[in-house]
């Protein structure tokens, strides 16, 4: 997840700002945690997480086992994104729910719990953000430069190699900075995600690199290529006289915009506020908004599977239409007989 406290500030400054807020509110715990009541957060997360996990497994099952879907290049990034999202659905959110049920205490209260939670909240989340940025670039290439992927060698260099590099980079970077940091972590078991502030985020170049390369840059790339693709498709529609080709362009564009829009909606506000703090905005300005923006990032993880499901009409119908058919077959036979006689009489 995005940095909650700006890396460029000294830890003492952060502590002073929190203490100032504490003095005004009279409760250091509540002033450092989002003001949304815990029971509201609990029901929001649990009611969305359960169907989200089910939808993720449903999609992964069909995208991996269905040979036709598995061989489509544009589905590979979706499979990886869904797998990355499982870390948030099965680790991050359950630990958050456990924190709430234990009256605001991380359980179990051990460094290992915090490290695993940080890996899910920062490593897999930011890794998914990087993958979404590449998905925006690749969708653009698939629509306007599909010849770049016409041979196996080109697919290896342009499709598979970037995916492998992003996964390796994300894994190596976050395993090193979280489990082997060049500084000493401080674990606060009275705040969600153990205060969501690993020491590397305030350790000079590491914090600057994560904020710039893993947070700001992917959001800019997603916004730029989504807008570029939308403009080119709009212009192409005016001069294109081939309905089939236009349908393909339109479908690819809708797939990209529906997925990347989630990234922009939930990541951009926090990125902008964090960037403003970096440029000199006092840390206490927008503190409450920053807490809500940070919590809203969970909705990106929770809603992403449903947005993906909507992009596969056959799977969508397979999941929901079967239930409708079953309810129709369960209808009492007497009613069916009466309906038949009614039609005959008419």
C-alpha atoms as a PDB file:
ATOM      1  CA  UNK A   1       0.000   0.000   0.000  1.00  0.00           C
ATOM      2  CA  UNK A   2       1.077   3.588  -0.396  1.00  0.00           C
ATOM      3  CA  UNK A   3       3.231   5.276   2.197  1.00  0.00           C
ATOM      4  CA  UNK A   4       1.063   6.566   4.979  1.00  0.00           C
ATOM      5  CA  UNK A   5       3.684   8.912   6.401  1.00  0.00           C
ATOM      6  CA  UNK A   6       5.976  10.781   4.068  1.00  0.00           C
ATOM      7  CA  UNK A   7       9.449   9.259   3.899  1.00  0.00           C
ATOM      8  CA  UNK A   8      11.308  12.555   3.648  1.00  0.00           C
ATOM      9  CA  UNK A   9      10.229  13.683   7.091  1.00  0.00           C
ATOM     10  CA  UNK A  10      12.260  12.749  10.150  1.00  0.00           C
ATOM     11  CA  UNK A  11      10.678  10.367  12.583  1.00  0.00           C
ATOM     12  CA  UNK A  12      10.872  12.981  15.312  1.00  0.00           C
ATOM     13  CA  UNK A  13       8.845  15.403  13.210  1.00  0.00           C
ATOM     14  CA  UNK A  14       6.251  12.698  12.635  1.00  0.00           C
ATOM     15  CA  UNK A  15       6.062  11.972  16.336  1.00  0.00           C
ATOM     16  CA  UNK A  16       5.636  15.651  17.146  1.00  0.00           C
ATOM     17  CA  UNK A  17       2.825  16.026  14.630  1.00  0.00           C
ATOM     18  CA  UNK A  18       1.029  13.022  16.071  1.00  0.00           C
ATOM     19  CA  UNK A  19       1.538  14.291  19.599  1.00  0.00           C
ATOM     20  CA  UNK A  20       0.067  17.660  18.625  1.00  0.00           C
ATOM     21  CA  UNK A  21      -3.003  15.933  17.290  1.00  0.00           C
ATOM     22  CA  UNK A  22      -3.153  13.854  20.443  1.00  0.00           C
ATOM     23  CA  UNK A  23      -3.250  16.929  22.607  1.00  0.00           C
ATOM     24  CA  UNK A  24      -6.199  18.329  20.713  1.00  0.00           C
ATOM     25  CA  UNK A  25      -8.183  15.086  20.580  1.00  0.00           C
ATOM     26  CA  UNK A  26      -7.204  13.711  23.979  1.00  0.00           C
ATOM     27  CA  UNK A  27      -6.658  10.156  22.697  1.00  0.00           C
ATOM     28  CA  UNK A  28      -3.482   9.181  20.902  1.00  0.00           C
ATOM     29  CA  UNK A  29      -4.896   5.897  19.643  1.00  0.00           C
ATOM     30  CA  UNK A  30      -8.019   7.311  18.069  1.00  0.00           C
ATOM     31  CA  UNK A  31      -6.151  10.282  16.605  1.00  0.00           C
ATOM     32  CA  UNK A  32      -3.721   7.948  14.840  1.00  0.00           C
ATOM     33  CA  UNK A  33      -6.427   5.609  13.523  1.00  0.00           C
ATOM     34  CA  UNK A  34      -9.130   6.389  10.992  1.00  0.00           C
ATOM     35  CA  UNK A  35     -12.158   7.935  12.680  1.00  0.00           C
ATOM     36  CA  UNK A  36     -14.576   5.528  10.972  1.00  0.00           C
ATOM     37  CA  UNK A  37     -15.903   3.282  13.775  1.00  0.00           C
ATOM     38  CA  UNK A  38     -14.267  -0.101  13.959  1.00  0.00           C
ATOM     39  CA  UNK A  39     -17.494  -2.080  13.703  1.00  0.00           C
ATOM     40  CA  UNK A  40     -18.327  -0.235  10.458  1.00  0.00           C
ATOM     41  CA  UNK A  41     -14.891  -1.042   9.057  1.00  0.00           C
ATOM     42  CA  UNK A  42     -15.285  -4.648  10.168  1.00  0.00           C
ATOM     43  CA  UNK A  43     -18.579  -5.208   8.349  1.00  0.00           C
ATOM     44  CA  UNK A  44     -17.456  -3.334   5.238  1.00  0.00           C
ATOM     45  CA  UNK A  45     -14.335  -5.468   4.917  1.00  0.00           C
ATOM     46  CA  UNK A  46     -15.840  -8.833   5.784  1.00  0.00           C
ATOM     47  CA  UNK A  47     -18.944  -8.395   3.613  1.00  0.00           C
ATOM     48  CA  UNK A  48     -16.782  -7.505   0.613  1.00  0.00           C
ATOM     49  CA  UNK A  49     -13.840  -9.796   1.256  1.00  0.00           C
ATOM     50  CA  UNK A  50     -15.754 -13.085   1.299  1.00  0.00           C
ATOM     51  CA  UNK A  51     -17.419 -12.676  -2.129  1.00  0.00           C
ATOM     52  CA  UNK A  52     -14.246 -11.080  -3.484  1.00  0.00           C
ATOM     53  CA  UNK A  53     -12.157 -14.141  -2.549  1.00  0.00           C
ATOM     54  CA  UNK A  54     -14.799 -16.442  -4.045  1.00  0.00           C
ATOM     55  CA  UNK A  55     -14.841 -14.426  -7.268  1.00  0.00           C
ATOM     56  CA  UNK A  56     -11.025 -14.474  -7.439  1.00  0.00           C
ATOM     57  CA  UNK A  57     -10.850 -18.261  -7.111  1.00  0.00           C
ATOM     58  CA  UNK A  58     -13.658 -18.662  -9.655  1.00  0.00           C
ATOM     59  CA  UNK A  59     -11.770 -16.536 -12.190  1.00  0.00           C
ATOM     60  CA  UNK A  60      -8.411 -18.180 -11.533  1.00  0.00           C
ATOM     61  CA  UNK A  61      -9.962 -21.623 -11.870  1.00  0.00           C
ATOM     62  CA  UNK A  62     -11.391 -20.892 -15.312  1.00  0.00           C
ATOM     63  CA  UNK A  63      -8.563 -18.682 -16.608  1.00  0.00           C
ATOM     64  CA  UNK A  64      -5.954 -21.297 -15.726  1.00  0.00           C
ATOM     65  CA  UNK A  65      -7.771 -24.535 -16.557  1.00  0.00           C
ATOM     66  CA  UNK A  66      -9.560 -23.312 -19.674  1.00  0.00           C
ATOM     67  CA  UNK A  67      -6.982 -23.754 -22.431  1.00  0.00           C
ATOM     68  CA  UNK A  68      -8.490 -21.122 -24.709  1.00  0.00           C
ATOM     69  CA  UNK A  69      -8.543 -18.463 -22.009  1.00  0.00           C
ATOM     70  CA  UNK A  70      -5.121 -19.457 -20.709  1.00  0.00           C
ATOM     71  CA  UNK A  71      -3.475 -19.056 -24.121  1.00  0.00           C
ATOM     72  CA  UNK A  72      -4.812 -15.529 -24.690  1.00  0.00           C
ATOM     73  CA  UNK A  73      -1.994 -13.067 -24.022  1.00  0.00           C
ATOM     74  CA  UNK A  74      -4.214 -10.384 -22.527  1.00  0.00           C
ATOM     75  CA  UNK A  75      -5.370 -12.818 -19.809  1.00  0.00           C
ATOM     76  CA  UNK A  76      -1.894 -13.477 -18.413  1.00  0.00           C
ATOM     77  CA  UNK A  77      -1.650 -10.119 -16.648  1.00  0.00           C
ATOM     78  CA  UNK A  78      -5.151 -10.624 -15.216  1.00  0.00           C
ATOM     79  CA  UNK A  79      -4.149 -13.985 -13.727  1.00  0.00           C
ATOM     80  CA  UNK A  80      -1.073 -12.473 -12.073  1.00  0.00           C
ATOM     81  CA  UNK A  81      -3.009  -9.470 -10.751  1.00  0.00           C
ATOM     82  CA  UNK A  82      -5.648 -11.745  -9.256  1.00  0.00           C
ATOM     83  CA  UNK A  83      -2.917 -13.828  -7.600  1.00  0.00           C
ATOM     84  CA  UNK A  84      -1.293 -10.691  -6.157  1.00  0.00           C
ATOM     85  CA  UNK A  85      -4.680  -9.553  -4.896  1.00  0.00           C
ATOM     86  CA  UNK A  86      -5.097 -12.774  -2.925  1.00  0.00           C
ATOM     87  CA  UNK A  87      -2.322 -11.604  -0.594  1.00  0.00           C
ATOM     88  CA  UNK A  88      -4.480  -8.656   0.394  1.00  0.00           C
ATOM     89  CA  UNK A  89      -7.678 -10.697   0.581  1.00  0.00           C
ATOM     90  CA  UNK A  90      -6.217 -13.602   2.569  1.00  0.00           C
ATOM     91  CA  UNK A  91      -3.502 -11.887   4.659  1.00  0.00           C
ATOM     92  CA  UNK A  92      -3.915  -8.114   4.885  1.00  0.00           C
ATOM     93  CA  UNK A  93      -7.680  -7.910   5.384  1.00  0.00           C
ATOM     94  CA  UNK A  94      -7.985 -10.919   7.754  1.00  0.00           C
ATOM     95  CA  UNK A  95      -5.231  -9.444   9.936  1.00  0.00           C
ATOM     96  CA  UNK A  96      -7.091  -6.120   9.918  1.00  0.00           C
ATOM     97  CA  UNK A  97     -10.299  -7.910  10.978  1.00  0.00           C
ATOM     98  CA  UNK A  98      -8.377  -9.728  13.723  1.00  0.00           C
ATOM     99  CA  UNK A  99      -7.006  -6.373  14.879  1.00  0.00           C
ATOM    100  CA  UNK A 100     -10.565  -5.056  15.245  1.00  0.00           C
ATOM    101  CA  UNK A 101     -11.911  -8.156  17.008  1.00  0.00           C
ATOM    102  CA  UNK A 102      -9.041  -7.992  19.514  1.00  0.00           C
ATOM    103  CA  UNK A 103     -10.078  -4.451  20.513  1.00  0.00           C
ATOM    104  CA  UNK A 104      -7.347  -2.655  18.639  1.00  0.00           C
ATOM    105  CA  UNK A 105      -4.396  -4.977  19.219  1.00  0.00           C
ATOM    106  CA  UNK A 106      -2.394  -6.717  16.493  1.00  0.00           C
ATOM    107  CA  UNK A 107      -2.730 -10.451  17.086  1.00  0.00           C
ATOM    108  CA  UNK A 108      -0.478 -12.282  17.460  1.00  0.00           C
ATOM    109  CA  UNK A 109       1.609  -9.361  18.721  1.00  0.00           C
ATOM    110  CA  UNK A 110       4.934 -10.484  17.274  1.00  0.00           C
ATOM    111  CA  UNK A 111       7.407  -8.929  14.812  1.00  0.00           C
ATOM    112  CA  UNK A 112       6.740 -11.809  12.408  1.00  0.00           C
ATOM    113  CA  UNK A 113       3.077 -10.807  12.163  1.00  0.00           C
ATOM    114  CA  UNK A 114       4.015  -7.216  11.335  1.00  0.00           C
ATOM    115  CA  UNK A 115       6.591  -8.276   8.738  1.00  0.00           C
ATOM    116  CA  UNK A 116       4.136 -10.574   6.961  1.00  0.00           C
ATOM    117  CA  UNK A 117       1.448  -7.899   7.142  1.00  0.00           C
ATOM    118  CA  UNK A 118       3.835  -5.320   5.662  1.00  0.00           C
ATOM    119  CA  UNK A 119       4.785  -7.697   2.866  1.00  0.00           C
ATOM    120  CA  UNK A 120       1.116  -8.130   1.917  1.00  0.00           C
ATOM    121  CA  UNK A 121       0.193  -4.453   2.390  1.00  0.00           C
ATOM    122  CA  UNK A 122       3.225  -2.936   0.645  1.00  0.00           C
ATOM    123  CA  UNK A 123       4.912  -5.637  -1.411  1.00  0.00           C
ATOM    124  CA  UNK A 124       1.955  -7.295  -3.096  1.00  0.00           C
ATOM    125  CA  UNK A 125      -0.117  -4.105  -3.281  1.00  0.00           C
ATOM    126  CA  UNK A 126       2.603  -2.005  -4.917  1.00  0.00           C
ATOM    127  CA  UNK A 127       3.561  -4.973  -7.066  1.00  0.00           C
ATOM    128  CA  UNK A 128      -0.011  -5.020  -8.336  1.00  0.00           C
ATOM    129  CA  UNK A 129       0.220  -1.298  -9.039  1.00  0.00           C
ATOM    130  CA  UNK A 130       3.342  -1.867 -11.140  1.00  0.00           C
ATOM    131  CA  UNK A 131       1.619  -4.695 -13.002  1.00  0.00           C
ATOM    132  CA  UNK A 132      -1.375  -2.465 -13.720  1.00  0.00           C
ATOM    133  CA  UNK A 133       0.978   0.099 -15.221  1.00  0.00           C
ATOM    134  CA  UNK A 134       2.443  -2.545 -17.511  1.00  0.00           C
ATOM    135  CA  UNK A 135      -1.083  -3.758 -18.348  1.00  0.00           C
ATOM    136  CA  UNK A 136      -1.914  -0.255 -19.602  1.00  0.00           C
ATOM    137  CA  UNK A 137       1.188  -0.238 -21.829  1.00  0.00           C
ATOM    138  CA  UNK A 138       0.585  -3.761 -23.108  1.00  0.00           C
ATOM    139  CA  UNK A 139      -3.076  -3.102 -23.904  1.00  0.00           C
ATOM    140  CA  UNK A 140      -1.985  -0.132 -25.977  1.00  0.00           C
ATOM    141  CA  UNK A 141       0.499  -2.325 -27.857  1.00  0.00           C
ATOM    142  CA  UNK A 142      -2.116  -5.032 -28.428  1.00  0.00           C
ATOM    143  CA  UNK A 143      -4.530  -2.531 -29.960  1.00  0.00           C
ATOM    144  CA  UNK A 144      -2.199  -0.463 -32.155  1.00  0.00           C
ATOM    145  CA  UNK A 145       1.013  -2.475 -32.507  1.00  0.00           C
ATOM    146  CA  UNK A 146      -0.141  -6.092 -32.457  1.00  0.00           C
ATOM    147  CA  UNK A 147       2.608  -7.034 -34.914  1.00  0.00           C
ATOM    148  CA  UNK A 148       5.104  -6.639 -32.090  1.00  0.00           C
ATOM    149  CA  UNK A 149       3.625  -9.821 -30.620  1.00  0.00           C
ATOM    150  CA  UNK A 150       3.233 -11.765 -33.860  1.00  0.00           C
ATOM    151  CA  UNK A 151       6.050 -14.280 -33.240  1.00  0.00           C
ATOM    152  CA  UNK A 152       7.097 -16.398 -30.277  1.00  0.00           C
ATOM    153  CA  UNK A 153      10.371 -14.517 -29.949  1.00  0.00           C
ATOM    154  CA  UNK A 154       8.611 -11.149 -29.869  1.00  0.00           C
ATOM    155  CA  UNK A 155       6.140 -12.445 -27.297  1.00  0.00           C
ATOM    156  CA  UNK A 156       9.018 -13.635 -25.146  1.00  0.00           C
ATOM    157  CA  UNK A 157      10.770 -10.254 -25.241  1.00  0.00           C
ATOM    158  CA  UNK A 158       7.789  -7.910 -25.106  1.00  0.00           C
ATOM    159  CA  UNK A 159       5.209  -9.925 -23.172  1.00  0.00           C
ATOM    160  CA  UNK A 160       6.787 -12.535 -20.893  1.00  0.00           C
ATOM    161  CA  UNK A 161      10.079 -10.822 -20.081  1.00  0.00           C
ATOM    162  CA  UNK A 162       8.521  -7.631 -18.599  1.00  0.00           C
ATOM    163  CA  UNK A 163       6.114  -9.699 -16.474  1.00  0.00           C
ATOM    164  CA  UNK A 164       8.933 -11.848 -15.107  1.00  0.00           C
ATOM    165  CA  UNK A 165      11.081  -8.779 -14.389  1.00  0.00           C
ATOM    166  CA  UNK A 166       8.277  -6.972 -12.529  1.00  0.00           C
ATOM    167  CA  UNK A 167       7.568 -10.033 -10.383  1.00  0.00           C
ATOM    168  CA  UNK A 168      11.269 -10.574  -9.619  1.00  0.00           C
ATOM    169  CA  UNK A 169      11.856  -6.895  -8.881  1.00  0.00           C
ATOM    170  CA  UNK A 170       8.867  -6.673  -6.553  1.00  0.00           C
ATOM    171  CA  UNK A 171       9.790  -9.856  -4.701  1.00  0.00           C
ATOM    172  CA  UNK A 172      13.474  -9.017  -4.277  1.00  0.00           C
ATOM    173  CA  UNK A 173      12.928  -5.366  -3.335  1.00  0.00           C
ATOM    174  CA  UNK A 174      10.287  -5.930  -0.664  1.00  0.00           C
ATOM    175  CA  UNK A 175      11.824  -9.062   0.805  1.00  0.00           C
ATOM    176  CA  UNK A 176      15.080  -7.154   1.288  1.00  0.00           C
ATOM    177  CA  UNK A 177      13.646  -3.891   2.661  1.00  0.00           C
ATOM    178  CA  UNK A 178      11.110  -5.605   4.929  1.00  0.00           C
ATOM    179  CA  UNK A 179      12.967  -8.671   6.194  1.00  0.00           C
ATOM    180  CA  UNK A 180      16.563  -7.432   5.804  1.00  0.00           C
ATOM    181  CA  UNK A 181      16.316  -3.651   6.308  1.00  0.00           C
ATOM    182  CA  UNK A 182      19.386  -1.437   6.837  1.00  0.00           C
ATOM    183  CA  UNK A 183      17.627   0.077   9.864  1.00  0.00           C
ATOM    184  CA  UNK A 184      15.678  -1.008  12.937  1.00  0.00           C
ATOM    185  CA  UNK A 185      11.926  -1.450  12.665  1.00  0.00           C
ATOM    186  CA  UNK A 186       9.597  -0.232  15.402  1.00  0.00           C
ATOM    187  CA  UNK A 187       6.430  -2.279  15.781  1.00  0.00           C
ATOM    188  CA  UNK A 188       3.333  -0.561  17.148  1.00  0.00           C
ATOM    189  CA  UNK A 189       0.821  -3.286  17.976  1.00  0.00           C
ATOM    190  CA  UNK A 190      -1.889  -0.757  18.843  1.00  0.00           C
ATOM    191  CA  UNK A 191      -2.327   0.477  15.263  1.00  0.00           C
ATOM    192  CA  UNK A 192      -3.477  -1.270  12.080  1.00  0.00           C
ATOM    193  CA  UNK A 193      -0.648  -2.761  10.001  1.00  0.00           C
ATOM    194  CA  UNK A 194       1.640  -2.147  12.997  1.00  0.00           C
ATOM    195  CA  UNK A 195       1.479   1.597  12.191  1.00  0.00           C
ATOM    196  CA  UNK A 196       2.136   0.864   8.484  1.00  0.00           C
ATOM    197  CA  UNK A 197       5.551   2.486   8.703  1.00  0.00           C
ATOM    198  CA  UNK A 198       8.526   0.167   8.083  1.00  0.00           C
ATOM    199  CA  UNK A 199      11.824   1.892   8.803  1.00  0.00           C
ATOM    200  CA  UNK A 200      13.031   1.728   5.189  1.00  0.00           C
ATOM    201  CA  UNK A 201      10.391   4.292   4.209  1.00  0.00           C
ATOM    202  CA  UNK A 202      12.351   6.938   6.116  1.00  0.00           C
ATOM    203  CA  UNK A 203      15.761   5.582   5.148  1.00  0.00           C
ATOM    204  CA  UNK A 204      16.936   8.041   2.494  1.00  0.00           C
ATOM    205  CA  UNK A 205      17.062   6.619  -1.019  1.00  0.00           C
ATOM    206  CA  UNK A 206      14.946   3.523  -0.266  1.00  0.00           C
ATOM    207  CA  UNK A 207      11.925   5.560   0.788  1.00  0.00           C
ATOM    208  CA  UNK A 208      12.394   7.997  -2.073  1.00  0.00           C
ATOM    209  CA  UNK A 209      12.703   5.141  -4.583  1.00  0.00           C
ATOM    210  CA  UNK A 210       9.586   3.354  -3.350  1.00  0.00           C
ATOM    211  CA  UNK A 211       7.521   6.528  -3.373  1.00  0.00           C
ATOM    212  CA  UNK A 212       8.674   7.606  -6.828  1.00  0.00           C
ATOM    213  CA  UNK A 213       9.141   4.322  -8.692  1.00  0.00           C
ATOM    214  CA  UNK A 214       6.535   2.111  -7.019  1.00  0.00           C
ATOM    215  CA  UNK A 215       3.793   4.654  -6.258  1.00  0.00           C
ATOM    216  CA  UNK A 216       3.914   7.822  -8.366  1.00  0.00           C
ATOM    217  CA  UNK A 217       5.361   6.466 -11.634  1.00  0.00           C
ATOM    218  CA  UNK A 218       2.843   3.579 -12.081  1.00  0.00           C
ATOM    219  CA  UNK A 219      -0.100   5.907 -11.457  1.00  0.00           C
ATOM    220  CA  UNK A 220       1.223   8.403 -14.019  1.00  0.00           C
ATOM    221  CA  UNK A 221       1.799   5.610 -16.563  1.00  0.00           C
ATOM    222  CA  UNK A 222      -1.706   4.218 -16.046  1.00  0.00           C
ATOM    223  CA  UNK A 223      -3.299   7.642 -16.475  1.00  0.00           C
ATOM    224  CA  UNK A 224      -1.191   8.558 -19.527  1.00  0.00           C
ATOM    225  CA  UNK A 225      -1.703   5.348 -21.538  1.00  0.00           C
ATOM    226  CA  UNK A 226      -5.381   5.085 -20.607  1.00  0.00           C
ATOM    227  CA  UNK A 227      -5.982   8.619 -21.852  1.00  0.00           C
ATOM    228  CA  UNK A 228      -3.844   8.048 -24.939  1.00  0.00           C
ATOM    229  CA  UNK A 229      -5.719   4.874 -25.815  1.00  0.00           C
ATOM    230  CA  UNK A 230      -9.087   6.553 -25.286  1.00  0.00           C
ATOM    231  CA  UNK A 231      -8.161   9.485 -27.535  1.00  0.00           C
ATOM    232  CA  UNK A 232      -6.814   7.267 -30.310  1.00  0.00           C
ATOM    233  CA  UNK A 233      -9.853   4.979 -30.232  1.00  0.00           C
ATOM    234  CA  UNK A 234     -12.198   7.975 -30.379  1.00  0.00           C
ATOM    235  CA  UNK A 235     -10.366   9.365 -33.392  1.00  0.00           C
ATOM    236  CA  UNK A 236     -10.192   5.943 -35.014  1.00  0.00           C
ATOM    237  CA  UNK A 237     -13.937   5.406 -34.693  1.00  0.00           C
ATOM    238  CA  UNK A 238     -14.614   8.420 -36.915  1.00  0.00           C
ATOM    239  CA  UNK A 239     -12.519   7.125 -39.814  1.00  0.00           C
ATOM    240  CA  UNK A 240     -12.943   3.383 -39.445  1.00  0.00           C
ATOM    241  CA  UNK A 241     -15.477   1.666 -41.721  1.00  0.00           C
ATOM    242  CA  UNK A 242     -14.912  -1.898 -40.463  1.00  0.00           C
ATOM    243  CA  UNK A 243     -17.445  -2.745 -37.732  1.00  0.00           C
ATOM    244  CA  UNK A 244     -15.674  -5.958 -36.644  1.00  0.00           C
ATOM    245  CA  UNK A 245     -12.346  -4.218 -36.198  1.00  0.00           C
ATOM    246  CA  UNK A 246     -13.998  -1.374 -34.319  1.00  0.00           C
ATOM    247  CA  UNK A 247     -15.680  -3.845 -31.952  1.00  0.00           C
ATOM    248  CA  UNK A 248     -12.293  -5.347 -31.150  1.00  0.00           C
ATOM    249  CA  UNK A 249     -10.787  -1.915 -30.498  1.00  0.00           C
ATOM    250  CA  UNK A 250     -13.759  -0.959 -28.344  1.00  0.00           C
ATOM    251  CA  UNK A 251     -13.647  -4.163 -26.306  1.00  0.00           C
ATOM    252  CA  UNK A 252      -9.933  -3.833 -25.582  1.00  0.00           C
ATOM    253  CA  UNK A 253     -10.378  -0.189 -24.602  1.00  0.00           C
ATOM    254  CA  UNK A 254     -13.247  -0.928 -22.213  1.00  0.00           C
ATOM    255  CA  UNK A 255     -11.231  -3.717 -20.605  1.00  0.00           C
ATOM    256  CA  UNK A 256      -8.291  -1.390 -20.014  1.00  0.00           C
ATOM    257  CA  UNK A 257     -10.289   1.588 -18.763  1.00  0.00           C
ATOM    258  CA  UNK A 258     -12.452  -0.454 -16.422  1.00  0.00           C
ATOM    259  CA  UNK A 259      -9.408  -1.989 -14.748  1.00  0.00           C
ATOM    260  CA  UNK A 260      -7.115   1.023 -14.658  1.00  0.00           C
ATOM    261  CA  UNK A 261      -9.888   3.353 -13.494  1.00  0.00           C
ATOM    262  CA  UNK A 262      -9.892   1.496 -10.158  1.00  0.00           C
ATOM    263  CA  UNK A 263      -6.194   2.246  -9.821  1.00  0.00           C
ATOM    264  CA  UNK A 264      -6.690   5.936 -10.514  1.00  0.00           C
ATOM    265  CA  UNK A 265      -9.766   6.324  -8.309  1.00  0.00           C
ATOM    266  CA  UNK A 266      -8.256   4.792  -5.190  1.00  0.00           C
ATOM    267  CA  UNK A 267      -4.524   5.509  -5.604  1.00  0.00           C
ATOM    268  CA  UNK A 268      -4.396   8.960  -7.159  1.00  0.00           C
ATOM    269  CA  UNK A 269      -5.911  10.941  -4.224  1.00  0.00           C
ATOM    270  CA  UNK A 270      -3.396   9.479  -1.769  1.00  0.00           C
ATOM    271  CA  UNK A 271      -0.556  10.004  -4.247  1.00  0.00           C
ATOM    272  CA  UNK A 272      -1.479  13.642  -4.752  1.00  0.00           C
ATOM    273  CA  UNK A 273      -1.748  14.330  -1.027  1.00  0.00           C
ATOM    274  CA  UNK A 274       1.545  12.553  -0.306  1.00  0.00           C
ATOM    275  CA  UNK A 275       3.243  14.482  -3.091  1.00  0.00           C
ATOM    276  CA  UNK A 276       1.876  17.728  -1.669  1.00  0.00           C
ATOM    277  CA  UNK A 277       3.378  16.870   1.720  1.00  0.00           C
ATOM    278  CA  UNK A 278       6.680  16.166   0.004  1.00  0.00           C
ATOM    279  CA  UNK A 279       6.560  19.584  -1.648  1.00  0.00           C
ATOM    280  CA  UNK A 280       6.117  21.389   1.661  1.00  0.00           C
ATOM    281  CA  UNK A 281       2.504  20.995   2.765  1.00  0.00           C
ATOM    282  CA  UNK A 282       2.462  20.610   6.579  1.00  0.00           C
ATOM    283  CA  UNK A 283       1.975  17.001   7.663  1.00  0.00           C
ATOM    284  CA  UNK A 284      -1.043  17.860   9.834  1.00  0.00           C
ATOM    285  CA  UNK A 285      -2.908  19.284   6.820  1.00  0.00           C
ATOM    286  CA  UNK A 286      -5.126  16.589   5.344  1.00  0.00           C
ATOM    287  CA  UNK A 287      -4.211  14.102   8.062  1.00  0.00           C
ATOM    288  CA  UNK A 288      -7.772  12.797   8.419  1.00  0.00           C
ATOM    289  CA  UNK A 289      -8.265  12.676   4.644  1.00  0.00           C
ATOM    290  CA  UNK A 290      -5.025  10.739   4.297  1.00  0.00           C
ATOM    291  CA  UNK A 291      -6.323   8.139   6.755  1.00  0.00           C
ATOM    292  CA  UNK A 292      -9.494   7.684   4.687  1.00  0.00           C
ATOM    293  CA  UNK A 293      -7.579   7.576   1.383  1.00  0.00           C
ATOM    294  CA  UNK A 294      -5.320   4.919   2.847  1.00  0.00           C
ATOM    295  CA  UNK A 295      -8.262   2.800   4.004  1.00  0.00           C
ATOM    296  CA  UNK A 296     -10.030   3.226   0.647  1.00  0.00           C
ATOM    297  CA  UNK A 297      -7.137   1.411  -1.053  1.00  0.00           C
ATOM    298  CA  UNK A 298      -8.699  -1.804   0.252  1.00  0.00           C
ATOM    299  CA  UNK A 299     -11.554  -1.273  -2.188  1.00  0.00           C
ATOM    300  CA  UNK A 300      -9.137  -1.616  -5.092  1.00  0.00           C
ATOM    301  CA  UNK A 301      -8.265  -5.116  -3.887  1.00  0.00           C
ATOM    302  CA  UNK A 302     -11.871  -6.034  -3.128  1.00  0.00           C
ATOM    303  CA  UNK A 303     -13.533  -4.697  -6.287  1.00  0.00           C
ATOM    304  CA  UNK A 304     -10.917  -5.747  -8.820  1.00  0.00           C
ATOM    305  CA  UNK A 305     -12.164  -9.371  -9.205  1.00  0.00           C
ATOM    306  CA  UNK A 306     -15.718  -8.215  -9.928  1.00  0.00           C
ATOM    307  CA  UNK A 307     -14.512  -5.753 -12.572  1.00  0.00           C
ATOM    308  CA  UNK A 308     -12.484  -8.541 -14.166  1.00  0.00           C
ATOM    309  CA  UNK A 309     -15.445 -10.925 -14.098  1.00  0.00           C
ATOM    310  CA  UNK A 310     -17.565  -8.415 -15.983  1.00  0.00           C
ATOM    311  CA  UNK A 311     -14.987  -8.463 -18.796  1.00  0.00           C
ATOM    312  CA  UNK A 312     -15.687 -12.168 -19.442  1.00  0.00           C
ATOM    313  CA  UNK A 313     -19.351 -12.443 -20.502  1.00  0.00           C
ATOM    314  CA  UNK A 314     -19.208 -16.238 -20.809  1.00  0.00           C
ATOM    315  CA  UNK A 315     -17.892 -16.667 -17.269  1.00  0.00           C
ATOM    316  CA  UNK A 316     -20.313 -14.056 -15.978  1.00  0.00           C
ATOM    317  CA  UNK A 317     -23.251 -15.935 -17.511  1.00  0.00           C
ATOM    318  CA  UNK A 318     -21.861 -19.243 -16.300  1.00  0.00           C
ATOM    319  CA  UNK A 319     -21.787 -17.963 -12.733  1.00  0.00           C
ATOM    320  CA  UNK A 320     -25.125 -16.150 -12.590  1.00  0.00           C
ATOM    321  CA  UNK A 321     -27.317 -17.653 -15.314  1.00  0.00           C
ATOM    322  CA  UNK A 322     -26.992 -21.167 -13.928  1.00  0.00           C
ATOM    323  CA  UNK A 323     -28.591 -19.992 -10.711  1.00  0.00           C
ATOM    324  CA  UNK A 324     -31.470 -18.530 -12.697  1.00  0.00           C
ATOM    325  CA  UNK A 325     -31.894 -21.744 -14.650  1.00  0.00           C
ATOM    326  CA  UNK A 326     -31.900 -23.792 -11.463  1.00  0.00           C
ATOM    327  CA  UNK A 327     -34.578 -21.589  -9.937  1.00  0.00           C
ATOM    328  CA  UNK A 328     -36.690 -22.067 -13.076  1.00  0.00           C
ATOM    329  CA  UNK A 329     -36.315 -25.860 -12.994  1.00  0.00           C
ATOM    330  CA  UNK A 330     -37.324 -25.935  -9.351  1.00  0.00           C
ATOM    331  CA  UNK A 331     -40.755 -24.505 -10.215  1.00  0.00           C
ATOM    332  CA  UNK A 332     -43.648 -26.781  -9.055  1.00  0.00           C
ATOM    333  CA  UNK A 333     -45.034 -29.067 -11.787  1.00  0.00           C
ATOM    334  CA  UNK A 334     -48.616 -28.133 -10.927  1.00  0.00           C
ATOM    335  CA  UNK A 335     -47.946 -24.524 -11.852  1.00  0.00           C
ATOM    336  CA  UNK A 336     -46.429 -25.627 -15.144  1.00  0.00           C
ATOM    337  CA  UNK A 337     -49.568 -27.686 -15.889  1.00  0.00           C
ATOM    338  CA  UNK A 338     -51.842 -24.811 -15.099  1.00  0.00           C
ATOM    339  CA  UNK A 339     -49.825 -22.517 -17.306  1.00  0.00           C
ATOM    340  CA  UNK A 340     -50.038 -24.964 -20.185  1.00  0.00           C
ATOM    341  CA  UNK A 341     -53.796 -25.331 -19.831  1.00  0.00           C
ATOM    342  CA  UNK A 342     -54.150 -21.584 -19.612  1.00  0.00           C
ATOM    343  CA  UNK A 343     -52.326 -21.154 -22.881  1.00  0.00           C
ATOM    344  CA  UNK A 344     -54.475 -23.832 -24.541  1.00  0.00           C
ATOM    345  CA  UNK A 345     -57.691 -22.242 -23.372  1.00  0.00           C
ATOM    346  CA  UNK A 346     -56.504 -18.899 -24.618  1.00  0.00           C
END
